[in-house]
Amino acid sequence: MTAPDLPAPPEMSPSDEALMLAYAGGDPRAFATLYERHERAVYRFILRRVGSLSGSGVADELHQETWFSVARQAPRYQPTARFTTWLYTIARSRVIDHLRRLQTSGGPLRSLDAEPADADGELPALAAGLQADSAQEPLQQLQTREQARAFLAAVDRLPSEQREAFLLQAEAGLSVEDIASATGVGAETAKSRLRYARTKLRQALAAWL
């Protein structure tokens, strides 16, 4: 009696690090997969960091520059850290370069009076970041577009370093240690920035609701 045929085990998706090494080795499909996995979150991170600069296409340009940098640096890539830590370090560098150019030229760095970017598709990731250690989980009450936009406006009003740490956790899923590595600070500093950001966001939401 022959044993019944067993279904083949499902194939494991390659890790980001394996894909980046494959792309460095000449496989363009690996880059396409990485882009598909991360491009939306990277774009939202950049958009929230540079603010609402209507009609300028700044976020689009920096997003494109980030992925060009990924492609250019592929031959030198070494998986010494998580791919996402490396990726968001590049995205952060593009944002910082842009903000420095604006400061040098005297252009507007941010406009807190401008309406926040479109909330569609953005709130779930940011909500998860705020709910991470919340007993009340106030974002479950954000059921209208107006409430969502109020939350995104509160994110935009955070001090730059706190907003950056919060976005790196909420959008990129980075750990405290990864955030510290990406931003060049100690783990305790990264943890403090996250704690202050969450506290301020909850206070803003409690007042609004």
C-alpha atoms as a PDB file:
ATOM      1  CA  MET A   1       0.000   0.000   0.000  1.00  0.00           C
ATOM      2  CA  THR A   2       1.486   3.251  -1.099  1.00  0.00           C
ATOM      3  CA  ALA A   3       1.382   6.324   1.089  1.00  0.00           C
ATOM      4  CA  PRO A   4      -0.918   9.092  -0.114  1.00  0.00           C
ATOM      5  CA  ASP A   5       0.690  12.044  -1.794  1.00  0.00           C
ATOM      6  CA  LEU A   6       1.117  14.903   0.623  1.00  0.00           C
ATOM      7  CA  PRO A   7       0.673  18.500  -0.478  1.00  0.00           C
ATOM      8  CA  ALA A   8       3.898  20.374  -0.993  1.00  0.00           C
ATOM      9  CA  PRO A   9       4.692  22.803   1.805  1.00  0.00           C
ATOM     10  CA  PRO A  10       4.023  26.444   0.926  1.00  0.00           C
ATOM     11  CA  GLU A  11       7.040  28.329  -0.320  1.00  0.00           C
ATOM     12  CA  MET A  12       8.428  30.872   2.088  1.00  0.00           C
ATOM     13  CA  SER A  13       8.643  34.400   0.770  1.00  0.00           C
ATOM     14  CA  PRO A  14      12.256  35.537   0.612  1.00  0.00           C
ATOM     15  CA  SER A  15      13.290  38.046   3.248  1.00  0.00           C
ATOM     16  CA  ASP A  16      13.964  41.667   2.382  1.00  0.00           C
ATOM     17  CA  GLU A  17      17.645  41.077   2.994  1.00  0.00           C
ATOM     18  CA  ALA A  18      17.730  38.071   0.636  1.00  0.00           C
ATOM     19  CA  LEU A  19      15.915  40.068  -2.025  1.00  0.00           C
ATOM     20  CA  MET A  20      18.360  42.956  -1.745  1.00  0.00           C
ATOM     21  CA  LEU A  21      21.301  40.595  -2.089  1.00  0.00           C
ATOM     22  CA  ALA A  22      19.613  39.001  -5.104  1.00  0.00           C
ATOM     23  CA  TYR A  23      19.145  42.411  -6.698  1.00  0.00           C
ATOM     24  CA  ALA A  24      22.779  43.262  -6.005  1.00  0.00           C
ATOM     25  CA  GLY A  25      23.595  40.021  -7.793  1.00  0.00           C
ATOM     26  CA  GLY A  26      21.709  41.119 -10.901  1.00  0.00           C
ATOM     27  CA  ASP A  27      18.069  40.059 -10.374  1.00  0.00           C
ATOM     28  CA  PRO A  28      15.806  43.032 -11.235  1.00  0.00           C
ATOM     29  CA  ARG A  29      12.698  41.135 -10.104  1.00  0.00           C
ATOM     30  CA  ALA A  30      14.012  41.219  -6.553  1.00  0.00           C
ATOM     31  CA  PHE A  31      14.062  45.015  -6.613  1.00  0.00           C
ATOM     32  CA  ALA A  32      10.506  45.079  -7.961  1.00  0.00           C
ATOM     33  CA  THR A  33       9.365  42.896  -5.063  1.00  0.00           C
ATOM     34  CA  LEU A  34      11.083  45.128  -2.500  1.00  0.00           C
ATOM     35  CA  TYR A  35       9.531  48.198  -4.065  1.00  0.00           C
ATOM     36  CA  GLU A  36       6.082  46.630  -4.010  1.00  0.00           C
ATOM     37  CA  ARG A  37       6.468  45.701  -0.337  1.00  0.00           C
ATOM     38  CA  HIS A  38       7.681  49.053   0.944  1.00  0.00           C
ATOM     39  CA  GLU A  39       7.008  51.914  -1.450  1.00  0.00           C
ATOM     40  CA  ARG A  40       3.688  53.071   0.043  1.00  0.00           C
ATOM     41  CA  ALA A  41       4.936  53.149   3.629  1.00  0.00           C
ATOM     42  CA  VAL A  42       8.159  54.918   2.615  1.00  0.00           C
ATOM     43  CA  TYR A  43       6.162  57.495   0.687  1.00  0.00           C
ATOM     44  CA  ARG A  44       3.871  58.160   3.658  1.00  0.00           C
ATOM     45  CA  PHE A  45       6.877  58.505   5.962  1.00  0.00           C
ATOM     46  CA  ILE A  46       8.444  61.080   3.638  1.00  0.00           C
ATOM     47  CA  LEU A  47       5.172  62.919   3.129  1.00  0.00           C
ATOM     48  CA  ARG A  48       4.544  63.322   6.845  1.00  0.00           C
ATOM     49  CA  ARG A  49       8.134  64.412   7.447  1.00  0.00           C
ATOM     50  CA  VAL A  50       8.223  67.173   4.825  1.00  0.00           C
ATOM     51  CA  GLY A  51       4.673  68.377   5.488  1.00  0.00           C
ATOM     52  CA  SER A  52       2.065  69.723   3.118  1.00  0.00           C
ATOM     53  CA  LEU A  53       3.911  71.609   0.389  1.00  0.00           C
ATOM     54  CA  SER A  54       0.997  71.939  -2.034  1.00  0.00           C
ATOM     55  CA  GLY A  55       1.792  71.501  -5.692  1.00  0.00           C
ATOM     56  CA  SER A  56       5.534  71.123  -5.155  1.00  0.00           C
ATOM     57  CA  GLY A  57       5.769  67.374  -5.652  1.00  0.00           C
ATOM     58  CA  VAL A  58       8.440  67.319  -2.939  1.00  0.00           C
ATOM     59  CA  ALA A  59       7.377  63.999  -1.435  1.00  0.00           C
ATOM     60  CA  ASP A  60       7.250  62.367  -4.884  1.00  0.00           C
ATOM     61  CA  GLU A  61      10.735  63.632  -5.698  1.00  0.00           C
ATOM     62  CA  LEU A  62      12.255  62.508  -2.405  1.00  0.00           C
ATOM     63  CA  HIS A  63      10.530  59.145  -2.685  1.00  0.00           C
ATOM     64  CA  GLN A  64      12.041  58.652  -6.121  1.00  0.00           C
ATOM     65  CA  GLU A  65      15.459  59.762  -4.877  1.00  0.00           C
ATOM     66  CA  THR A  66      15.250  57.251  -2.036  1.00  0.00           C
ATOM     67  CA  TRP A  67      14.705  54.311  -4.367  1.00  0.00           C
ATOM     68  CA  PHE A  68      17.368  55.571  -6.771  1.00  0.00           C
ATOM     69  CA  SER A  69      19.756  55.580  -3.797  1.00  0.00           C
ATOM     70  CA  VAL A  70      18.742  52.025  -2.916  1.00  0.00           C
ATOM     71  CA  ALA A  71      19.555  50.944  -6.465  1.00  0.00           C
ATOM     72  CA  ARG A  72      22.866  52.826  -6.559  1.00  0.00           C
ATOM     73  CA  GLN A  73      24.016  51.427  -3.218  1.00  0.00           C
ATOM     74  CA  ALA A  74      23.013  47.841  -4.002  1.00  0.00           C
ATOM     75  CA  PRO A  75      26.551  46.692  -4.959  1.00  0.00           C
ATOM     76  CA  ARG A  76      27.793  47.777  -1.514  1.00  0.00           C
ATOM     77  CA  TYR A  77      24.822  46.459   0.466  1.00  0.00           C
ATOM     78  CA  GLN A  78      25.631  44.257   3.449  1.00  0.00           C
ATOM     79  CA  PRO A  79      22.842  42.793   5.629  1.00  0.00           C
ATOM     80  CA  THR A  80      24.398  43.948   8.896  1.00  0.00           C
ATOM     81  CA  ALA A  81      21.000  45.313  10.001  1.00  0.00           C
ATOM     82  CA  ARG A  82      17.382  44.843   8.971  1.00  0.00           C
ATOM     83  CA  PHE A  83      16.714  45.993   5.414  1.00  0.00           C
ATOM     84  CA  THR A  84      13.978  48.331   6.630  1.00  0.00           C
ATOM     85  CA  THR A  85      16.389  50.052   9.013  1.00  0.00           C
ATOM     86  CA  TRP A  86      18.772  50.611   6.107  1.00  0.00           C
ATOM     87  CA  LEU A  87      15.955  51.717   3.784  1.00  0.00           C
ATOM     88  CA  TYR A  88      14.487  54.266   6.175  1.00  0.00           C
ATOM     89  CA  THR A  89      17.934  55.589   7.028  1.00  0.00           C
ATOM     90  CA  ILE A  90      18.271  56.432   3.331  1.00  0.00           C
ATOM     91  CA  ALA A  91      14.782  57.981   3.198  1.00  0.00           C
ATOM     92  CA  ARG A  92      15.513  60.030   6.312  1.00  0.00           C
ATOM     93  CA  SER A  93      18.779  61.281   4.779  1.00  0.00           C
ATOM     94  CA  ARG A  94      16.935  62.456   1.664  1.00  0.00           C
ATOM     95  CA  VAL A  95      14.423  64.331   3.842  1.00  0.00           C
ATOM     96  CA  ILE A  96      17.144  65.938   5.951  1.00  0.00           C
ATOM     97  CA  ASP A  97      19.059  67.037   2.839  1.00  0.00           C
ATOM     98  CA  HIS A  98      15.876  68.616   1.487  1.00  0.00           C
ATOM     99  CA  LEU A  99      15.093  70.443   4.731  1.00  0.00           C
ATOM    100  CA  ARG A 100      18.654  71.745   4.936  1.00  0.00           C
ATOM    101  CA  ARG A 101      18.417  73.069   1.379  1.00  0.00           C
ATOM    102  CA  LEU A 102      15.187  74.841   2.286  1.00  0.00           C
ATOM    103  CA  GLN A 103      16.762  76.343   5.386  1.00  0.00           C
ATOM    104  CA  THR A 104      19.747  77.581   3.390  1.00  0.00           C
ATOM    105  CA  SER A 105      17.528  79.104   0.706  1.00  0.00           C
ATOM    106  CA  GLY A 106      15.147  80.663   3.216  1.00  0.00           C
ATOM    107  CA  GLY A 107      12.189  78.598   2.004  1.00  0.00           C
ATOM    108  CA  PRO A 108       9.355  77.431   4.277  1.00  0.00           C
ATOM    109  CA  LEU A 109      10.317  74.360   6.294  1.00  0.00           C
ATOM    110  CA  ARG A 110       6.754  73.355   7.228  1.00  0.00           C
ATOM    111  CA  SER A 111       3.356  74.902   7.336  1.00  0.00           C
ATOM    112  CA  LEU A 112       1.382  73.777  10.349  1.00  0.00           C
ATOM    113  CA  ASP A 113      -1.568  75.811   9.124  1.00  0.00           C
ATOM    114  CA  ALA A 114      -1.780  73.768   5.935  1.00  0.00           C
ATOM    115  CA  GLU A 115      -4.212  70.887   5.878  1.00  0.00           C
ATOM    116  CA  PRO A 116      -2.611  67.497   6.532  1.00  0.00           C
ATOM    117  CA  ALA A 117      -2.150  65.091   3.688  1.00  0.00           C
ATOM    118  CA  ASP A 118      -4.995  62.852   2.619  1.00  0.00           C
ATOM    119  CA  ALA A 119      -5.824  60.368   5.362  1.00  0.00           C
ATOM    120  CA  ASP A 120      -6.945  57.596   3.012  1.00  0.00           C
ATOM    121  CA  GLY A 121      -4.936  54.461   3.626  1.00  0.00           C
ATOM    122  CA  GLU A 122      -2.696  56.172   6.162  1.00  0.00           C
ATOM    123  CA  LEU A 123      -4.551  55.975   9.455  1.00  0.00           C
ATOM    124  CA  PRO A 124      -4.362  52.212  10.135  1.00  0.00           C
ATOM    125  CA  ALA A 125      -0.557  52.105  10.367  1.00  0.00           C
ATOM    126  CA  LEU A 126      -0.352  55.262  12.447  1.00  0.00           C
ATOM    127  CA  ALA A 127      -3.190  54.075  14.663  1.00  0.00           C
ATOM    128  CA  ALA A 128      -1.336  50.854  15.400  1.00  0.00           C
ATOM    129  CA  GLY A 129       1.674  52.895  16.443  1.00  0.00           C
ATOM    130  CA  LEU A 130      -0.348  54.860  18.962  1.00  0.00           C
ATOM    131  CA  GLN A 131      -2.217  51.836  20.281  1.00  0.00           C
ATOM    132  CA  ALA A 132       0.965  49.943  21.072  1.00  0.00           C
ATOM    133  CA  ASP A 133       0.853  50.660  24.802  1.00  0.00           C
ATOM    134  CA  SER A 134      -2.532  52.301  25.240  1.00  0.00           C
ATOM    135  CA  ALA A 135      -5.115  50.878  27.642  1.00  0.00           C
ATOM    136  CA  GLN A 136      -7.920  53.053  26.247  1.00  0.00           C
ATOM    137  CA  GLU A 137      -7.009  52.699  22.573  1.00  0.00           C
ATOM    138  CA  PRO A 138      -8.686  56.004  21.630  1.00  0.00           C
ATOM    139  CA  LEU A 139      -8.150  55.530  17.907  1.00  0.00           C
ATOM    140  CA  GLN A 140     -10.916  52.936  17.837  1.00  0.00           C
ATOM    141  CA  GLN A 141     -13.225  55.943  18.167  1.00  0.00           C
ATOM    142  CA  LEU A 142     -11.869  57.626  15.019  1.00  0.00           C
ATOM    143  CA  GLN A 143     -14.707  56.666  12.730  1.00  0.00           C
ATOM    144  CA  THR A 144     -15.069  59.769  10.571  1.00  0.00           C
ATOM    145  CA  ARG A 145     -12.814  61.431   8.071  1.00  0.00           C
ATOM    146  CA  GLU A 146     -12.805  64.584  10.176  1.00  0.00           C
ATOM    147  CA  GLN A 147     -11.527  62.657  13.187  1.00  0.00           C
ATOM    148  CA  ALA A 148      -8.848  60.985  11.093  1.00  0.00           C
ATOM    149  CA  ARG A 149      -7.688  64.323   9.722  1.00  0.00           C
ATOM    150  CA  ALA A 150      -7.591  65.746  13.251  1.00  0.00           C
ATOM    151  CA  PHE A 151      -5.312  62.890  14.262  1.00  0.00           C
ATOM    152  CA  LEU A 152      -3.006  63.414  11.274  1.00  0.00           C
ATOM    153  CA  ALA A 153      -2.867  67.122  12.072  1.00  0.00           C
ATOM    154  CA  ALA A 154      -1.781  66.200  15.612  1.00  0.00           C
ATOM    155  CA  VAL A 155       0.991  64.040  14.147  1.00  0.00           C
ATOM    156  CA  ASP A 156       2.115  66.975  12.001  1.00  0.00           C
ATOM    157  CA  ARG A 157       2.299  69.224  15.066  1.00  0.00           C
ATOM    158  CA  LEU A 158       4.684  66.950  16.954  1.00  0.00           C
ATOM    159  CA  PRO A 159       8.241  68.249  17.367  1.00  0.00           C
ATOM    160  CA  SER A 160      10.341  67.006  14.470  1.00  0.00           C
ATOM    161  CA  GLU A 161      12.384  64.403  16.368  1.00  0.00           C
ATOM    162  CA  GLN A 162       9.322  62.976  18.118  1.00  0.00           C
ATOM    163  CA  ARG A 163       7.327  62.854  14.881  1.00  0.00           C
ATOM    164  CA  GLU A 164      10.209  61.106  13.147  1.00  0.00           C
ATOM    165  CA  ALA A 165      10.507  58.446  15.849  1.00  0.00           C
ATOM    166  CA  PHE A 166       6.752  57.844  15.848  1.00  0.00           C
ATOM    167  CA  LEU A 167       6.607  57.533  12.053  1.00  0.00           C
ATOM    168  CA  LEU A 168       9.575  55.175  11.951  1.00  0.00           C
ATOM    169  CA  GLN A 169       7.738  52.898  14.354  1.00  0.00           C
ATOM    170  CA  ALA A 170       4.231  53.283  12.901  1.00  0.00           C
ATOM    171  CA  GLU A 171       5.054  53.292   9.181  1.00  0.00           C
ATOM    172  CA  ALA A 172       8.272  51.295   9.059  1.00  0.00           C
ATOM    173  CA  GLY A 173       7.623  48.962  11.976  1.00  0.00           C
ATOM    174  CA  LEU A 174      11.080  49.661  13.385  1.00  0.00           C
ATOM    175  CA  SER A 175      11.939  48.670  16.933  1.00  0.00           C
ATOM    176  CA  VAL A 176      13.356  51.163  19.422  1.00  0.00           C
ATOM    177  CA  GLU A 177      16.834  49.811  18.679  1.00  0.00           C
ATOM    178  CA  ASP A 178      16.260  50.155  14.921  1.00  0.00           C
ATOM    179  CA  ILE A 179      14.997  53.727  15.348  1.00  0.00           C
ATOM    180  CA  ALA A 180      18.065  54.554  17.406  1.00  0.00           C
ATOM    181  CA  SER A 181      20.297  53.125  14.676  1.00  0.00           C
ATOM    182  CA  ALA A 182      18.463  54.915  11.852  1.00  0.00           C
ATOM    183  CA  THR A 183      18.545  58.298  13.610  1.00  0.00           C
ATOM    184  CA  GLY A 184      21.990  58.036  15.193  1.00  0.00           C
ATOM    185  CA  VAL A 185      20.911  58.322  18.834  1.00  0.00           C
ATOM    186  CA  GLY A 186      20.930  56.030  21.858  1.00  0.00           C
ATOM    187  CA  ALA A 187      18.120  53.589  22.539  1.00  0.00           C
ATOM    188  CA  GLU A 188      16.973  55.519  25.623  1.00  0.00           C
ATOM    189  CA  THR A 189      16.709  58.723  23.591  1.00  0.00           C
ATOM    190  CA  ALA A 190      14.667  56.951  20.904  1.00  0.00           C
ATOM    191  CA  LYS A 191      12.426  55.438  23.581  1.00  0.00           C
ATOM    192  CA  SER A 192      11.858  58.852  25.184  1.00  0.00           C
ATOM    193  CA  ARG A 193      10.958  60.441  21.860  1.00  0.00           C
ATOM    194  CA  LEU A 194       8.397  57.705  21.216  1.00  0.00           C
ATOM    195  CA  ARG A 195       6.918  58.050  24.689  1.00  0.00           C
ATOM    196  CA  TYR A 196       6.555  61.832  24.410  1.00  0.00           C
ATOM    197  CA  ALA A 197       5.053  61.522  20.919  1.00  0.00           C
ATOM    198  CA  ARG A 198       2.414  59.017  22.028  1.00  0.00           C
ATOM    199  CA  THR A 199       1.551  61.060  25.109  1.00  0.00           C
ATOM    200  CA  LYS A 200       1.043  64.230  23.070  1.00  0.00           C
ATOM    201  CA  LEU A 201      -1.043  62.449  20.458  1.00  0.00           C
ATOM    202  CA  ARG A 202      -3.301  60.913  23.072  1.00  0.00           C
ATOM    203  CA  GLN A 203      -3.704  64.283  24.776  1.00  0.00           C
ATOM    204  CA  ALA A 204      -4.570  65.913  21.449  1.00  0.00           C
ATOM    205  CA  LEU A 205      -7.122  63.223  20.649  1.00  0.00           C
ATOM    206  CA  ALA A 206      -8.680  63.311  24.114  1.00  0.00           C
ATOM    207  CA  ALA A 207      -9.179  67.068  23.812  1.00  0.00           C
ATOM    208  CA  TRP A 208     -10.629  66.750  20.308  1.00  0.00           C
ATOM    209  CA  LEU A 209     -12.984  63.876  21.107  1.00  0.00           C
END
